[in-house]
Each structure stands twice: as structure tokens, then as C-alpha cells.
Amino acid sequence: MAHAVVIQVKIEPDSDREHRHSILNDFVVPEAKALPGFEQGIWMNDGGGTGTCVVLFDTEDHATAAIVPLTRPGGPPIISSGIHEVEILGVGPHQIVPDPRAEVRPFGT
């Protein structure tokens, strides 16, 4: 079974969206993808001040080791974080009507 690192962070809703995206795309995503055992991840923003990321790893050891680099100082304040053993039931394209207040930033290997 895969192991998911789930992290929720506080995001200022009025902060510069382009700046947040550049930090995510230029630093956070490449660093996450370089972690041992990385399988896939998704970063989401509810538009109301909470960001959530779910990053899947192949083993519990890899997920545990990823907590520190994924929550390092200098990032947004951490609301919660945890590791969960998960079964992947399916991955594929979705038909979603986007909420203009929400951001969804999927990526995978």
C-alpha cells in the first residue's frame, strides 16, 4: 500500500496568487518530486485560507522521511500534518466545474 503525507497550511487569501504559484512550481514541487519514493502529489487551496497537499510515497519510511522537508521553516504556517496508509482506487481525468475561489494544482510523475 502507498502512504500519503497530508499537510494543511494557512494561506493568506489576499496574498499574491502568481507569487504563490511561482514558489510552488519553482521550489516546492521539484523538491517534493526529488524525495525518495515520491509517486505523485496534489496541492490545493480552498480560497478561504487553507491549503492542503497530499503527496503519495511508496513506503511508510519514505513518507515519514518526507515530513521534515515538506514542512520546513520559512513556508506557510502548518495547521496539521500526518501520514496515512492508503489504497489508490483510481487516477484519471475528471470533469470538474471549477470554483473560481479555489485553486487545484495537480501533478504526477
PDB file of N, CA and C in Angstrom:
ATOM      1  N   MET A   1       0.838  -1.195   0.000  1.00  0.00           N
ATOM      2  CA  MET A   1       0.000   0.000   0.000  1.00  0.00           C
ATOM      3  C   MET A   1       0.873   1.245   0.000  1.00  0.00           C
ATOM      4  N   ALA A   2       0.335   2.293  -0.574  1.00  0.00           N
ATOM      5  CA  ALA A   2       1.023   3.586  -0.589  1.00  0.00           C
ATOM      6  C   ALA A   2       0.800   4.295   0.740  1.00  0.00           C
ATOM      7  N   HIS A   3       1.609   5.303   0.970  1.00  0.00           N
ATOM      8  CA  HIS A   3       1.469   6.131   2.158  1.00  0.00           C
ATOM      9  C   HIS A   3       1.385   7.584   1.724  1.00  0.00           C
ATOM     10  N   ALA A   4       0.376   8.281   2.254  1.00  0.00           N
ATOM     11  CA  ALA A   4       0.143   9.678   1.899  1.00  0.00           C
ATOM     12  C   ALA A   4       0.576  10.586   3.026  1.00  0.00           C
ATOM     13  N   VAL A   5       1.325  11.612   2.667  1.00  0.00           N
ATOM     14  CA  VAL A   5       1.603  12.703   3.593  1.00  0.00           C
ATOM     15  C   VAL A   5       0.555  13.757   3.289  1.00  0.00           C
ATOM     16  N   VAL A   6      -0.222  14.125   4.305  1.00  0.00           N
ATOM     17  CA  VAL A   6      -1.272  15.132   4.143  1.00  0.00           C
ATOM     18  C   VAL A   6      -0.905  16.310   5.040  1.00  0.00           C
ATOM     19  N   ILE A   7      -0.798  17.475   4.437  1.00  0.00           N
ATOM     20  CA  ILE A   7      -0.401  18.675   5.167  1.00  0.00           C
ATOM     21  C   ILE A   7      -1.389  19.782   4.858  1.00  0.00           C
ATOM     22  N   GLN A   8      -1.846  20.456   5.903  1.00  0.00           N
ATOM     23  CA  GLN A   8      -2.682  21.640   5.725  1.00  0.00           C
ATOM     24  C   GLN A   8      -1.909  22.848   6.237  1.00  0.00           C
ATOM     25  N   VAL A   9      -1.962  23.929   5.468  1.00  0.00           N
ATOM     26  CA  VAL A   9      -1.252  25.150   5.825  1.00  0.00           C
ATOM     27  C   VAL A   9      -2.186  26.346   5.759  1.00  0.00           C
ATOM     28  N   LYS A  10      -1.804  27.392   6.490  1.00  0.00           N
ATOM     29  CA  LYS A  10      -2.549  28.656   6.472  1.00  0.00           C
ATOM     30  C   LYS A  10      -2.034  29.493   5.308  1.00  0.00           C
ATOM     31  N   ILE A  11      -2.939  29.950   4.451  1.00  0.00           N
ATOM     32  CA  ILE A  11      -2.595  30.805   3.317  1.00  0.00           C
ATOM     33  C   ILE A  11      -3.389  32.098   3.451  1.00  0.00           C
ATOM     34  N   GLU A  12      -2.708  33.214   3.294  1.00  0.00           N
ATOM     35  CA  GLU A  12      -3.404  34.496   3.291  1.00  0.00           C
ATOM     36  C   GLU A  12      -4.226  34.593   2.010  1.00  0.00           C
ATOM     37  N   PRO A  13      -5.555  34.652   2.113  1.00  0.00           N
ATOM     38  CA  PRO A  13      -6.388  34.677   0.910  1.00  0.00           C
ATOM     39  C   PRO A  13      -6.090  35.859  -0.014  1.00  0.00           C
ATOM     40  N   ASP A  14      -5.605  36.960   0.541  1.00  0.00           N
ATOM     41  CA  ASP A  14      -5.332  38.146  -0.274  1.00  0.00           C
ATOM     42  C   ASP A  14      -3.897  38.203  -0.785  1.00  0.00           C
ATOM     43  N   SER A  15      -3.100  37.158  -0.515  1.00  0.00           N
ATOM     44  CA  SER A  15      -1.709  37.179  -0.968  1.00  0.00           C
ATOM     45  C   SER A  15      -1.647  37.031  -2.491  1.00  0.00           C
ATOM     46  N   ASP A  16      -0.521  37.393  -3.052  1.00  0.00           N
ATOM     47  CA  ASP A  16      -0.314  37.392  -4.497  1.00  0.00           C
ATOM     48  C   ASP A  16      -0.351  35.962  -5.047  1.00  0.00           C
ATOM     49  N   ARG A  17      -1.379  35.658  -5.804  1.00  0.00           N
ATOM     50  CA  ARG A  17      -1.580  34.307  -6.352  1.00  0.00           C
ATOM     51  C   ARG A  17      -0.424  33.891  -7.262  1.00  0.00           C
ATOM     52  N   GLU A  18       0.033  34.787  -8.116  1.00  0.00           N
ATOM     53  CA  GLU A  18       1.132  34.460  -9.027  1.00  0.00           C
ATOM     54  C   GLU A  18       2.410  34.140  -8.251  1.00  0.00           C
ATOM     55  N   HIS A  19       2.662  34.883  -7.200  1.00  0.00           N
ATOM     56  CA  HIS A  19       3.847  34.610  -6.369  1.00  0.00           C
ATOM     57  C   HIS A  19       3.732  33.232  -5.721  1.00  0.00           C
ATOM     58  N   ARG A  20       2.556  32.912  -5.180  1.00  0.00           N
ATOM     59  CA  ARG A  20       2.345  31.583  -4.572  1.00  0.00           C
ATOM     60  C   ARG A  20       2.586  30.487  -5.599  1.00  0.00           C
ATOM     61  N   HIS A  21       2.071  30.671  -6.810  1.00  0.00           N
ATOM     62  CA  HIS A  21       2.241  29.653  -7.858  1.00  0.00           C
ATOM     63  C   HIS A  21       3.702  29.507  -8.258  1.00  0.00           C
ATOM     64  N   SER A  22       4.423  30.625  -8.336  1.00  0.00           N
ATOM     65  CA  SER A  22       5.836  30.525  -8.716  1.00  0.00           C
ATOM     66  C   SER A  22       6.634  29.806  -7.639  1.00  0.00           C
ATOM     67  N   ILE A  23       6.362  30.066  -6.372  1.00  0.00           N
ATOM     68  CA  ILE A  23       7.051  29.346  -5.286  1.00  0.00           C
ATOM     69  C   ILE A  23       6.722  27.860  -5.378  1.00  0.00           C
ATOM     70  N   LEU A  24       5.453  27.547  -5.573  1.00  0.00           N
ATOM     71  CA  LEU A  24       5.024  26.153  -5.679  1.00  0.00           C
ATOM     72  C   LEU A  24       5.707  25.456  -6.849  1.00  0.00           C
ATOM     73  N   ASN A  25       5.644  26.061  -8.021  1.00  0.00           N
ATOM     74  CA  ASN A  25       6.172  25.427  -9.229  1.00  0.00           C
ATOM     75  C   ASN A  25       7.694  25.425  -9.311  1.00  0.00           C
ATOM     76  N   ASP A  26       8.340  26.469  -8.781  1.00  0.00           N
ATOM     77  CA  ASP A  26       9.791  26.581  -8.891  1.00  0.00           C
ATOM     78  C   ASP A  26      10.547  25.880  -7.768  1.00  0.00           C
ATOM     79  N   PHE A  27       9.919  25.739  -6.617  1.00  0.00           N
ATOM     80  CA  PHE A  27      10.636  25.187  -5.466  1.00  0.00           C
ATOM     81  C   PHE A  27       9.951  23.964  -4.844  1.00  0.00           C
ATOM     82  N   VAL A  28       8.693  24.131  -4.438  1.00  0.00           N
ATOM     83  CA  VAL A  28       8.022  23.078  -3.658  1.00  0.00           C
ATOM     84  C   VAL A  28       7.844  21.797  -4.475  1.00  0.00           C
ATOM     85  N   VAL A  29       7.277  21.907  -5.671  1.00  0.00           N
ATOM     86  CA  VAL A  29       7.008  20.718  -6.482  1.00  0.00           C
ATOM     87  C   VAL A  29       8.299  19.990  -6.875  1.00  0.00           C
ATOM     88  N   PRO A  30       9.317  20.692  -7.394  1.00  0.00           N
ATOM     89  CA  PRO A  30      10.554  19.972  -7.736  1.00  0.00           C
ATOM     90  C   PRO A  30      11.215  19.299  -6.528  1.00  0.00           C
ATOM     91  N   GLU A  31      11.176  19.973  -5.375  1.00  0.00           N
ATOM     92  CA  GLU A  31      11.765  19.367  -4.178  1.00  0.00           C
ATOM     93  C   GLU A  31      10.974  18.125  -3.755  1.00  0.00           C
ATOM     94  N   ALA A  32       9.645  18.195  -3.832  1.00  0.00           N
ATOM     95  CA  ALA A  32       8.824  17.036  -3.464  1.00  0.00           C
ATOM     96  C   ALA A  32       9.082  15.870  -4.417  1.00  0.00           C
ATOM     97  N   LYS A  33       9.146  16.168  -5.718  1.00  0.00           N
ATOM     98  CA  LYS A  33       9.364  15.116  -6.708  1.00  0.00           C
ATOM     99  C   LYS A  33      10.733  14.451  -6.556  1.00  0.00           C
ATOM    100  N   ALA A  34      11.689  15.163  -5.986  1.00  0.00           N
ATOM    101  CA  ALA A  34      13.033  14.616  -5.800  1.00  0.00           C
ATOM    102  C   ALA A  34      13.157  13.753  -4.542  1.00  0.00           C
ATOM    103  N   LEU A  35      12.146  13.747  -3.699  1.00  0.00           N
ATOM    104  CA  LEU A  35      12.221  12.957  -2.463  1.00  0.00           C
ATOM    105  C   LEU A  35      12.156  11.464  -2.783  1.00  0.00           C
ATOM    106  N   PRO A  36      12.911  10.655  -2.040  1.00  0.00           N
ATOM    107  CA  PRO A  36      12.889   9.203  -2.267  1.00  0.00           C
ATOM    108  C   PRO A  36      11.474   8.637  -2.118  1.00  0.00           C
ATOM    109  N   GLY A  37      11.074   7.813  -3.062  1.00  0.00           N
ATOM    110  CA  GLY A  37       9.788   7.125  -3.003  1.00  0.00           C
ATOM    111  C   GLY A  37       8.599   7.938  -3.472  1.00  0.00           C
ATOM    112  N   PHE A  38       8.832   9.185  -3.931  1.00  0.00           N
ATOM    113  CA  PHE A  38       7.736  10.019  -4.404  1.00  0.00           C
ATOM    114  C   PHE A  38       6.986   9.305  -5.531  1.00  0.00           C
ATOM    115  N   GLU A  39       5.657   9.323  -5.458  1.00  0.00           N
ATOM    116  CA  GLU A  39       4.833   8.758  -6.521  1.00  0.00           C
ATOM    117  C   GLU A  39       4.007   9.827  -7.223  1.00  0.00           C
ATOM    118  N   GLN A  40       3.286  10.642  -6.472  1.00  0.00           N
ATOM    119  CA  GLN A  40       2.501  11.718  -7.054  1.00  0.00           C
ATOM    120  C   GLN A  40       2.022  12.641  -5.950  1.00  0.00           C
ATOM    121  N   GLY A  41       1.535  13.804  -6.348  1.00  0.00           N
ATOM    122  CA  GLY A  41       1.051  14.744  -5.356  1.00  0.00           C
ATOM    123  C   GLY A  41       0.060  15.708  -5.941  1.00  0.00           C
ATOM    124  N   ILE A  42      -0.666  16.357  -5.056  1.00  0.00           N
ATOM    125  CA  ILE A  42      -1.604  17.398  -5.457  1.00  0.00           C
ATOM    126  C   ILE A  42      -1.594  18.474  -4.378  1.00  0.00           C
ATOM    127  N   TRP A  43      -1.573  19.726  -4.837  1.00  0.00           N
ATOM    128  CA  TRP A  43      -1.617  20.874  -3.940  1.00  0.00           C
ATOM    129  C   TRP A  43      -2.900  21.626  -4.224  1.00  0.00           C
ATOM    130  N   MET A  44      -3.651  21.950  -3.172  1.00  0.00           N
ATOM    131  CA  MET A  44      -4.958  22.585  -3.337  1.00  0.00           C
ATOM    132  C   MET A  44      -5.084  23.778  -2.401  1.00  0.00           C
ATOM    133  N   ASN A  45      -5.901  24.740  -2.804  1.00  0.00           N
ATOM    134  CA  ASN A  45      -6.199  25.911  -1.992  1.00  0.00           C
ATOM    135  C   ASN A  45      -7.707  26.080  -1.997  1.00  0.00           C
ATOM    136  N   ASP A  46      -8.315  26.150  -0.810  1.00  0.00           N
ATOM    137  CA  ASP A  46      -9.771  26.282  -0.762  1.00  0.00           C
ATOM    138  C   ASP A  46     -10.256  27.693  -1.030  1.00  0.00           C
ATOM    139  N   GLY A  47      -9.339  28.641  -1.208  1.00  0.00           N
ATOM    140  CA  GLY A  47      -9.722  30.021  -1.471  1.00  0.00           C
ATOM    141  C   GLY A  47     -10.117  30.780  -0.223  1.00  0.00           C
ATOM    142  N   GLY A  48     -10.189  30.079   0.908  1.00  0.00           N
ATOM    143  CA  GLY A  48     -10.592  30.719   2.156  1.00  0.00           C
ATOM    144  C   GLY A  48      -9.491  30.770   3.191  1.00  0.00           C
ATOM    145  N   GLY A  49      -8.283  30.391   2.794  1.00  0.00           N
ATOM    146  CA  GLY A  49      -7.174  30.499   3.727  1.00  0.00           C
ATOM    147  C   GLY A  49      -6.518  29.196   4.127  1.00  0.00           C
ATOM    148  N   THR A  50      -6.985  28.077   3.574  1.00  0.00           N
ATOM    149  CA  THR A  50      -6.369  26.789   3.895  1.00  0.00           C
ATOM    150  C   THR A  50      -5.861  26.133   2.622  1.00  0.00           C
ATOM    151  N   GLY A  51      -4.590  25.761   2.640  1.00  0.00           N
ATOM    152  CA  GLY A  51      -4.001  24.989   1.562  1.00  0.00           C
ATOM    153  C   GLY A  51      -3.795  23.566   2.038  1.00  0.00           C
ATOM    154  N   THR A  52      -4.025  22.612   1.180  1.00  0.00           N
ATOM    155  CA  THR A  52      -3.858  21.199   1.517  1.00  0.00           C
ATOM    156  C   THR A  52      -3.020  20.544   0.444  1.00  0.00           C
ATOM    157  N   CYS A  53      -2.025  19.771   0.865  1.00  0.00           N
ATOM    158  CA  CYS A  53      -1.294  18.962  -0.105  1.00  0.00           C
ATOM    159  C   CYS A  53      -1.380  17.510   0.323  1.00  0.00           C
ATOM    160  N   VAL A  54      -1.477  16.653  -0.664  1.00  0.00           N
ATOM    161  CA  VAL A  54      -1.469  15.207  -0.468  1.00  0.00           C
ATOM    162  C   VAL A  54      -0.362  14.679  -1.372  1.00  0.00           C
ATOM    163  N   VAL A  55       0.660  14.107  -0.758  1.00  0.00           N
ATOM    164  CA  VAL A  55       1.804  13.601  -1.510  1.00  0.00           C
ATOM    165  C   VAL A  55       1.929  12.111  -1.213  1.00  0.00           C
ATOM    166  N   LEU A  56       1.922  11.294  -2.260  1.00  0.00           N
ATOM    167  CA  LEU A  56       1.981   9.840  -2.103  1.00  0.00           C
ATOM    168  C   LEU A  56       3.412   9.337  -2.228  1.00  0.00           C
ATOM    169  N   PHE A  57       3.746   8.397  -1.343  1.00  0.00           N
ATOM    170  CA  PHE A  57       5.054   7.751  -1.343  1.00  0.00           C
ATOM    171  C   PHE A  57       4.867   6.245  -1.356  1.00  0.00           C
ATOM    172  N   ASP A  58       5.881   5.546  -1.814  1.00  0.00           N
ATOM    173  CA  ASP A  58       5.793   4.098  -1.958  1.00  0.00           C
ATOM    174  C   ASP A  58       5.866   3.343  -0.639  1.00  0.00           C
ATOM    175  N   THR A  59       6.505   3.907   0.377  1.00  0.00           N
ATOM    176  CA  THR A  59       6.627   3.212   1.666  1.00  0.00           C
ATOM    177  C   THR A  59       6.374   4.179   2.817  1.00  0.00           C
ATOM    178  N   GLU A  60       6.080   3.629   3.976  1.00  0.00           N
ATOM    179  CA  GLU A  60       5.898   4.439   5.178  1.00  0.00           C
ATOM    180  C   GLU A  60       7.198   5.146   5.556  1.00  0.00           C
ATOM    181  N   ASP A  61       8.330   4.457   5.401  1.00  0.00           N
ATOM    182  CA  ASP A  61       9.619   5.077   5.718  1.00  0.00           C
ATOM    183  C   ASP A  61       9.868   6.309   4.849  1.00  0.00           C
ATOM    184  N   HIS A  62       9.577   6.215   3.556  1.00  0.00           N
ATOM    185  CA  HIS A  62       9.767   7.367   2.676  1.00  0.00           C
ATOM    186  C   HIS A  62       8.810   8.505   3.047  1.00  0.00           C
ATOM    187  N   ALA A  63       7.567   8.168   3.375  1.00  0.00           N
ATOM    188  CA  ALA A  63       6.601   9.192   3.778  1.00  0.00           C
ATOM    189  C   ALA A  63       7.043   9.869   5.072  1.00  0.00           C
ATOM    190  N   THR A  64       7.505   9.082   6.023  1.00  0.00           N
ATOM    191  CA  THR A  64       7.969   9.635   7.301  1.00  0.00           C
ATOM    192  C   THR A  64       9.152  10.570   7.087  1.00  0.00           C
ATOM    193  N   ALA A  65      10.089  10.156   6.248  1.00  0.00           N
ATOM    194  CA  ALA A  65      11.264  10.982   5.976  1.00  0.00           C
ATOM    195  C   ALA A  65      10.896  12.266   5.236  1.00  0.00           C
ATOM    196  N   ALA A  66       9.779  12.272   4.524  1.00  0.00           N
ATOM    197  CA  ALA A  66       9.382  13.438   3.735  1.00  0.00           C
ATOM    198  C   ALA A  66       8.740  14.544   4.565  1.00  0.00           C
ATOM    199  N   ILE A  67       8.253  14.221   5.754  1.00  0.00           N
ATOM    200  CA  ILE A  67       7.574  15.226   6.580  1.00  0.00           C
ATOM    201  C   ILE A  67       8.465  16.446   6.819  1.00  0.00           C
ATOM    202  N   VAL A  68       9.717  16.228   7.201  1.00  0.00           N
ATOM    203  CA  VAL A  68      10.598  17.364   7.520  1.00  0.00           C
ATOM    204  C   VAL A  68      10.826  18.268   6.310  1.00  0.00           C
ATOM    205  N   PRO A  69      11.244  17.744   5.148  1.00  0.00           N
ATOM    206  CA  PRO A  69      11.438  18.674   4.030  1.00  0.00           C
ATOM    207  C   PRO A  69      10.140  19.302   3.520  1.00  0.00           C
ATOM    208  N   LEU A  70       9.009  18.635   3.692  1.00  0.00           N
ATOM    209  CA  LEU A  70       7.744  19.198   3.224  1.00  0.00           C
ATOM    210  C   LEU A  70       7.170  20.248   4.172  1.00  0.00           C
ATOM    211  N   THR A  71       7.686  20.319   5.397  1.00  0.00           N
ATOM    212  CA  THR A  71       7.173  21.277   6.387  1.00  0.00           C
ATOM    213  C   THR A  71       8.282  22.163   6.945  1.00  0.00           C
ATOM    214  N   ARG A  72       9.315  22.387   6.163  1.00  0.00           N
ATOM    215  CA  ARG A  72      10.454  23.153   6.669  1.00  0.00           C
ATOM    216  C   ARG A  72      10.086  24.593   7.003  1.00  0.00           C
ATOM    217  N   PRO A  73      10.844  25.175   7.937  1.00  0.00           N
ATOM    218  CA  PRO A  73      10.610  26.580   8.300  1.00  0.00           C
ATOM    219  C   PRO A  73      10.745  27.492   7.083  1.00  0.00           C
ATOM    220  N   GLY A  74      10.010  28.579   7.113  1.00  0.00           N
ATOM    221  CA  GLY A  74      10.042  29.537   6.010  1.00  0.00           C
ATOM    222  C   GLY A  74       8.833  29.408   5.104  1.00  0.00           C
ATOM    223  N   GLY A  75       8.131  28.297   5.204  1.00  0.00           N
ATOM    224  CA  GLY A  75       6.909  28.115   4.424  1.00  0.00           C
ATOM    225  C   GLY A  75       5.720  28.664   5.183  1.00  0.00           C
ATOM    226  N   PRO A  76       4.531  28.441   4.659  1.00  0.00           N
ATOM    227  CA  PRO A  76       3.341  28.925   5.360  1.00  0.00           C
ATOM    228  C   PRO A  76       3.157  28.181   6.683  1.00  0.00           C
ATOM    229  N   PRO A  77       2.465  28.800   7.642  1.00  0.00           N
ATOM    230  CA  PRO A  77       2.233  28.140   8.941  1.00  0.00           C
ATOM    231  C   PRO A  77       1.476  26.814   8.769  1.00  0.00           C
ATOM    232  N   ILE A  78       1.949  25.781   9.461  1.00  0.00           N
ATOM    233  CA  ILE A  78       1.339  24.453   9.385  1.00  0.00           C
ATOM    234  C   ILE A  78       0.114  24.402  10.304  1.00  0.00           C
ATOM    235  N   ILE A  79      -1.002  23.976   9.756  1.00  0.00           N
ATOM    236  CA  ILE A  79      -2.211  23.746  10.545  1.00  0.00           C
ATOM    237  C   ILE A  79      -2.198  22.313  11.069  1.00  0.00           C
ATOM    238  N   SER A  80      -1.894  21.358  10.191  1.00  0.00           N
ATOM    239  CA  SER A  80      -1.834  19.950  10.589  1.00  0.00           C
ATOM    240  C   SER A  80      -0.999  19.181   9.576  1.00  0.00           C
ATOM    241  N   SER A  81      -0.486  18.036  10.013  1.00  0.00           N
ATOM    242  CA  SER A  81       0.227  17.144   9.097  1.00  0.00           C
ATOM    243  C   SER A  81       0.112  15.727   9.635  1.00  0.00           C
ATOM    244  N   GLY A  82       0.182  14.772   8.727  1.00  0.00           N
ATOM    245  CA  GLY A  82       0.094  13.383   9.137  1.00  0.00           C
ATOM    246  C   GLY A  82       0.426  12.449   8.000  1.00  0.00           C
ATOM    247  N   ILE A  83       0.604  11.185   8.354  1.00  0.00           N
ATOM    248  CA  ILE A  83       0.888  10.136   7.383  1.00  0.00           C
ATOM    249  C   ILE A  83      -0.238   9.120   7.467  1.00  0.00           C
ATOM    250  N   HIS A  84      -0.726   8.715   6.308  1.00  0.00           N
ATOM    251  CA  HIS A  84      -1.850   7.787   6.247  1.00  0.00           C
ATOM    252  C   HIS A  84      -1.545   6.678   5.252  1.00  0.00           C
ATOM    253  N   GLU A  85      -1.805   5.441   5.653  1.00  0.00           N
ATOM    254  CA  GLU A  85      -1.704   4.326   4.713  1.00  0.00           C
ATOM    255  C   GLU A  85      -2.955   4.374   3.846  1.00  0.00           C
ATOM    256  N   VAL A  86      -2.774   4.324   2.520  1.00  0.00           N
ATOM    257  CA  VAL A  86      -3.905   4.499   1.615  1.00  0.00           C
ATOM    258  C   VAL A  86      -3.883   3.463   0.509  1.00  0.00           C
ATOM    259  N   GLU A  87      -5.061   3.191   0.009  1.00  0.00           N
ATOM    260  CA  GLU A  87      -5.224   2.362  -1.182  1.00  0.00           C
ATOM    261  C   GLU A  87      -5.626   3.283  -2.320  1.00  0.00           C
ATOM    262  N   ILE A  88      -4.894   3.256  -3.410  1.00  0.00           N
ATOM    263  CA  ILE A  88      -5.212   4.092  -4.561  1.00  0.00           C
ATOM    264  C   ILE A  88      -6.282   3.369  -5.372  1.00  0.00           C
ATOM    265  N   LEU A  89      -7.452   3.974  -5.469  1.00  0.00           N
ATOM    266  CA  LEU A  89      -8.577   3.337  -6.144  1.00  0.00           C
ATOM    267  C   LEU A  89      -8.662   3.700  -7.616  1.00  0.00           C
ATOM    268  N   GLY A  90      -8.060   4.796  -7.996  1.00  0.00           N
ATOM    269  CA  GLY A  90      -8.091   5.187  -9.392  1.00  0.00           C
ATOM    270  C   GLY A  90      -7.508   6.571  -9.573  1.00  0.00           C
ATOM    271  N   VAL A  91      -6.915   6.789 -10.714  1.00  0.00           N
ATOM    272  CA  VAL A  91      -6.364   8.088 -11.070  1.00  0.00           C
ATOM    273  C   VAL A  91      -6.727   8.323 -12.518  1.00  0.00           C
ATOM    274  N   GLY A  92      -7.248   9.467 -12.816  1.00  0.00           N
ATOM    275  CA  GLY A  92      -7.594   9.747 -14.198  1.00  0.00           C
ATOM    276  C   GLY A  92      -8.147  11.136 -14.346  1.00  0.00           C
ATOM    277  N   PRO A  93      -8.479  11.494 -15.578  1.00  0.00           N
ATOM    278  CA  PRO A  93      -9.020  12.835 -15.824  1.00  0.00           C
ATOM    279  C   PRO A  93     -10.408  12.962 -15.207  1.00  0.00           C
ATOM    280  N   HIS A  94     -10.721  14.155 -14.784  1.00  0.00           N
ATOM    281  CA  HIS A  94     -12.015  14.420 -14.157  1.00  0.00           C
ATOM    282  C   HIS A  94     -12.705  15.561 -14.887  1.00  0.00           C
ATOM    283  N   GLN A  95     -14.012  15.521 -14.919  1.00  0.00           N
ATOM    284  CA  GLN A  95     -14.800  16.639 -15.400  1.00  0.00           C
ATOM    285  C   GLN A  95     -15.211  17.431 -14.172  1.00  0.00           C
ATOM    286  N   ILE A  96     -14.583  18.578 -13.973  1.00  0.00           N
ATOM    287  CA  ILE A  96     -14.836  19.392 -12.790  1.00  0.00           C
ATOM    288  C   ILE A  96     -15.255  20.781 -13.239  1.00  0.00           C
ATOM    289  N   VAL A  97     -16.306  21.284 -12.625  1.00  0.00           N
ATOM    290  CA  VAL A  97     -16.675  22.676 -12.836  1.00  0.00           C
ATOM    291  C   VAL A  97     -15.933  23.460 -11.769  1.00  0.00           C
ATOM    292  N   PRO A  98     -14.916  24.246 -12.163  1.00  0.00           N
ATOM    293  CA  PRO A  98     -14.079  24.899 -11.160  1.00  0.00           C
ATOM    294  C   PRO A  98     -14.801  25.984 -10.396  1.00  0.00           C
ATOM    295  N   ASP A  99     -14.523  26.050  -9.114  1.00  0.00           N
ATOM    296  CA  ASP A  99     -14.956  27.139  -8.257  1.00  0.00           C
ATOM    297  C   ASP A  99     -13.924  28.242  -8.446  1.00  0.00           C
ATOM    298  N   PRO A 100     -14.296  29.428  -8.865  1.00  0.00           N
ATOM    299  CA  PRO A 100     -13.307  30.466  -9.141  1.00  0.00           C
ATOM    300  C   PRO A 100     -12.510  30.868  -7.896  1.00  0.00           C
ATOM    301  N   ARG A 101     -12.997  30.543  -6.703  1.00  0.00           N
ATOM    302  CA  ARG A 101     -12.271  30.868  -5.471  1.00  0.00           C
ATOM    303  C   ARG A 101     -11.231  29.815  -5.136  1.00  0.00           C
ATOM    304  N   ALA A 102     -11.328  28.633  -5.715  1.00  0.00           N
ATOM    305  CA  ALA A 102     -10.443  27.525  -5.354  1.00  0.00           C
ATOM    306  C   ALA A 102      -9.379  27.314  -6.417  1.00  0.00           C
ATOM    307  N   GLU A 103      -8.229  26.869  -5.969  1.00  0.00           N
ATOM    308  CA  GLU A 103      -7.139  26.539  -6.873  1.00  0.00           C
ATOM    309  C   GLU A 103      -6.831  25.055  -6.722  1.00  0.00           C
ATOM    310  N   VAL A 104      -6.613  24.371  -7.818  1.00  0.00           N
ATOM    311  CA  VAL A 104      -6.187  22.979  -7.777  1.00  0.00           C
ATOM    312  C   VAL A 104      -4.951  22.854  -8.658  1.00  0.00           C
ATOM    313  N   ARG A 105      -3.849  22.354  -8.088  1.00  0.00           N
ATOM    314  CA  ARG A 105      -2.581  22.280  -8.806  1.00  0.00           C
ATOM    315  C   ARG A 105      -2.106  20.838  -8.832  1.00  0.00           C
ATOM    316  N   PRO A 106      -2.668  19.956  -9.691  1.00  0.00           N
ATOM    317  CA  PRO A 106      -2.238  18.571  -9.715  1.00  0.00           C
ATOM    318  C   PRO A 106      -0.947  18.390 -10.513  1.00  0.00           C
ATOM    319  N   PHE A 107      -0.211  17.365 -10.181  1.00  0.00           N
ATOM    320  CA  PHE A 107       0.924  16.960 -10.984  1.00  0.00           C
ATOM    321  C   PHE A 107       1.221  15.519 -10.647  1.00  0.00           C
ATOM    322  N   GLY A 108       2.010  14.868 -11.444  1.00  0.00           N
ATOM    323  CA  GLY A 108       2.395  13.477 -11.180  1.00  0.00           C
ATOM    324  C   GLY A 108       3.672  13.141 -11.903  1.00  0.00           C
ATOM    325  N   THR A 109       4.124  11.938 -11.706  1.00  0.00           N
ATOM    326  CA  THR A 109       5.361  11.517 -12.360  1.00  0.00           C
ATOM    327  C   THR A 109       5.052  10.953 -13.719  1.00  0.00           C
TER     328      THR A 109
END
